[in-house]
Amino acid sequence: MLAAGSVSVDRTTNQLSIFNIVEETSAVTFPAVSQFSVCALLSKTSKEANDPDLIIKVTLEGQEIFVGGFKGNFQDKNRTRVIVGLPPLVISAAGNLSVALHTKRTRLGAWTIKVNQLPSPSSLTATASPGGNLPSKGPLRSKKGKGRKAARKSRH
């Protein structure tokens, strides 16, 4: 199970593409909004239901911030992919954001995203280093040493 910016299944090859895996996120201020998709590969025995009731729970430091239920769809196979696009989530503080997939009785898997607090822009400091392209002093001289006017004429 993992969280990503987006997940796509190719209609021709049935190959899964996962873009921008989310392991960590940051915000300058809280509350912040985060949105991502969840992808999991599930397996079952032939005796288990083809359409189990599944639950996604999102918690921040143990506090529930989202719960959603849906039906799994094994299509008479023993493996399936679950791809869920979550709605925008309001993240109230820095900490560990956990996304877990459950049945009514069993936790099937989880993914943890570290949420960081960034320093505010007003507390950032910048330093200047000498060097680089500094403006020249004195008149612009051509190779012949005739001053700015001659240098301008020679460029045209």
Protein backbone atom coordinates (compact mmCIF):
# COMPACT_ATOMS: atom_id res chain seq x y z
CA MET A 1 0.00 0.00 0.00
CA LEU A 2 1.21 3.50 -0.78
CA ALA A 3 0.11 7.09 -1.30
CA ALA A 4 0.89 9.03 -4.48
CA GLY A 5 0.07 12.24 -6.28
CA SER A 6 -1.72 10.19 -8.93
CA VAL A 7 -2.16 6.60 -10.09
CA SER A 8 -3.05 5.46 -13.59
CA VAL A 9 -3.90 2.09 -15.17
CA ASP A 10 -3.14 1.67 -18.87
CA ARG A 11 -6.30 0.43 -20.63
CA THR A 12 -4.37 -1.57 -23.22
CA THR A 13 -1.71 -3.29 -21.09
CA ASN A 14 -3.35 -3.06 -17.64
CA GLN A 15 -0.02 -1.77 -16.32
CA LEU A 16 -0.06 0.45 -13.27
CA SER A 17 1.78 3.79 -13.24
CA ILE A 18 2.33 5.56 -9.94
CA PHE A 19 3.38 9.22 -9.98
CA ASN A 20 4.89 11.28 -7.16
CA ILE A 21 4.93 8.84 -4.25
CA VAL A 22 4.09 10.78 -1.08
CA GLU A 23 6.38 9.87 1.83
CA GLU A 24 6.69 13.34 3.27
CA THR A 25 4.99 16.69 2.90
CA SER A 26 5.58 20.13 4.38
CA ALA A 27 3.67 23.32 5.11
CA VAL A 28 4.63 26.76 6.37
CA THR A 29 1.33 27.23 8.21
CA PHE A 30 -1.41 24.98 9.52
CA PRO A 31 -4.12 24.07 8.81
CA ALA A 32 -2.90 22.96 5.37
CA VAL A 33 -4.67 20.99 2.65
CA SER A 34 -3.26 17.81 1.13
CA GLN A 35 -4.68 15.58 -1.59
CA PHE A 36 -3.39 12.25 -2.86
CA SER A 37 -4.43 8.80 -4.06
CA VAL A 38 -3.99 5.49 -2.30
CA CYS A 39 -3.02 2.28 -4.11
CA ALA A 40 -2.98 -1.24 -2.67
CA LEU A 41 -2.66 -4.76 -4.04
CA LEU A 42 -5.04 -7.16 -2.29
CA SER A 43 -5.29 -10.94 -2.42
CA LYS A 44 -7.89 -13.38 -1.17
CA THR A 45 -8.64 -17.09 -1.05
CA SER A 46 -11.20 -18.63 -3.39
CA LYS A 47 -13.57 -18.99 -0.40
CA GLU A 48 -13.59 -15.26 0.39
CA ALA A 49 -16.08 -12.78 -1.08
CA ASN A 50 -15.45 -11.10 -4.44
CA ASP A 51 -16.82 -7.78 -3.17
CA PRO A 52 -15.60 -7.20 0.40
CA ASP A 53 -16.54 -4.07 2.32
CA LEU A 54 -13.38 -1.97 2.63
CA ILE A 55 -12.66 1.06 4.78
CA ILE A 56 -9.98 3.73 4.41
CA LYS A 57 -9.03 5.59 7.59
CA VAL A 58 -6.72 8.60 7.69
CA THR A 59 -5.36 9.68 11.05
CA LEU A 60 -2.97 12.41 12.16
CA GLU A 61 -1.09 11.39 15.30
CA GLY A 62 -3.92 8.96 16.10
CA GLN A 63 -6.76 11.47 15.56
CA GLU A 64 -9.15 10.41 12.79
CA ILE A 65 -9.49 13.03 10.03
CA PHE A 66 -11.16 10.94 7.31
CA VAL A 67 -13.06 7.64 7.04
CA GLY A 68 -14.54 6.29 3.83
CA GLY A 69 -16.05 2.97 2.86
CA PHE A 70 -16.37 1.23 -0.50
CA LYS A 71 -16.74 -2.22 -2.06
CA GLY A 72 -13.70 -4.12 -3.28
CA ASN A 73 -14.00 -5.81 -6.66
CA PHE A 74 -11.96 -8.97 -7.24
CA GLN A 75 -13.83 -9.85 -10.49
CA ASP A 76 -13.68 -13.59 -9.66
CA LYS A 77 -9.87 -13.45 -9.31
CA ASN A 78 -7.66 -13.93 -6.26
CA ARG A 79 -5.89 -10.56 -6.62
CA THR A 80 -7.04 -7.02 -7.25
CA ARG A 81 -5.79 -3.46 -7.14
CA VAL A 82 -7.50 -0.87 -5.03
CA ILE A 83 -7.02 2.70 -6.21
CA VAL A 84 -8.75 5.42 -4.23
CA GLY A 85 -8.52 9.16 -4.88
CA LEU A 86 -9.02 10.83 -1.52
CA PRO A 87 -10.75 14.21 -1.22
CA PRO A 88 -8.69 17.21 -0.08
CA LEU A 89 -7.76 16.62 3.57
CA VAL A 90 -7.30 19.37 6.14
CA ILE A 91 -4.07 18.75 8.02
CA SER A 92 -4.14 20.60 11.35
CA ALA A 93 -0.51 20.21 12.45
CA ALA A 94 2.84 18.60 11.76
CA GLY A 95 3.18 14.92 12.68
CA ASN A 96 2.61 11.46 11.27
CA LEU A 97 -0.30 11.08 8.87
CA SER A 98 -1.37 7.43 8.61
CA VAL A 99 -3.54 6.01 5.82
CA ALA A 100 -4.88 2.53 6.60
CA LEU A 101 -7.03 0.08 4.66
CA HIS A 102 -9.33 -2.20 6.68
CA THR A 103 -12.11 -4.72 6.40
CA LYS A 104 -14.62 -4.71 9.26
CA ARG A 105 -12.29 -6.99 11.26
CA THR A 106 -8.80 -6.75 9.80
CA ARG A 107 -6.24 -4.05 9.05
CA LEU A 108 -4.96 -4.90 5.54
CA GLY A 109 -2.17 -2.35 5.27
CA ALA A 110 -1.05 1.18 6.06
CA TRP A 111 1.15 3.99 4.76
CA THR A 112 2.67 6.77 6.86
CA ILE A 113 3.38 10.27 5.57
CA LYS A 114 5.60 12.56 7.63
CA VAL A 115 4.13 16.08 7.80
CA ASN A 116 6.74 18.79 8.49
CA GLN A 117 6.46 22.40 9.63
CA LEU A 118 8.60 24.70 7.48
CA PRO A 119 10.01 27.96 8.85
CA SER A 120 7.97 31.02 7.93
CA PRO A 121 9.44 33.17 5.14
CA SER A 122 10.00 36.05 7.61
CA SER A 123 12.38 33.89 9.64
CA LEU A 124 14.55 32.92 6.68
CA THR A 125 17.94 34.59 6.38
CA ALA A 126 19.93 35.25 3.23
CA THR A 127 23.63 35.87 2.89
CA ALA A 128 25.41 37.61 0.06
CA SER A 129 28.76 36.47 -1.24
CA PRO A 130 31.24 38.77 -2.99
CA GLY A 131 32.16 38.24 -6.61
CA GLY A 132 30.12 37.65 -9.68
CA ASN A 133 29.29 40.22 -12.31
CA LEU A 134 29.79 43.57 -10.65
CA PRO A 135 29.29 46.79 -12.62
CA SER A 136 32.52 48.18 -14.01
CA LYS A 137 33.82 51.56 -12.92
CA GLY A 138 34.96 54.23 -15.31
CA PRO A 139 34.16 54.82 -18.98
CA LEU A 140 33.63 52.00 -21.40
CA ARG A 141 36.70 51.72 -23.62
CA SER A 142 37.04 50.08 -26.98
CA LYS A 143 40.10 48.06 -27.87
CA LYS A 144 41.52 51.17 -29.47
CA GLY A 145 41.01 53.14 -26.24
CA LYS A 146 38.75 55.83 -27.73
CA GLY A 147 36.04 55.86 -25.01
CA ARG A 148 32.29 55.11 -24.98
CA LYS A 149 31.44 56.88 -28.23
CA ALA A 150 33.93 54.87 -30.26
CA ALA A 151 32.82 51.63 -28.57
CA ARG A 152 29.15 52.29 -29.52
CA LYS A 153 30.10 53.02 -33.15
CA SER A 154 32.17 49.87 -33.45
CA ARG A 155 29.23 47.71 -32.33
CA HIS A 156 26.90 48.90 -35.12
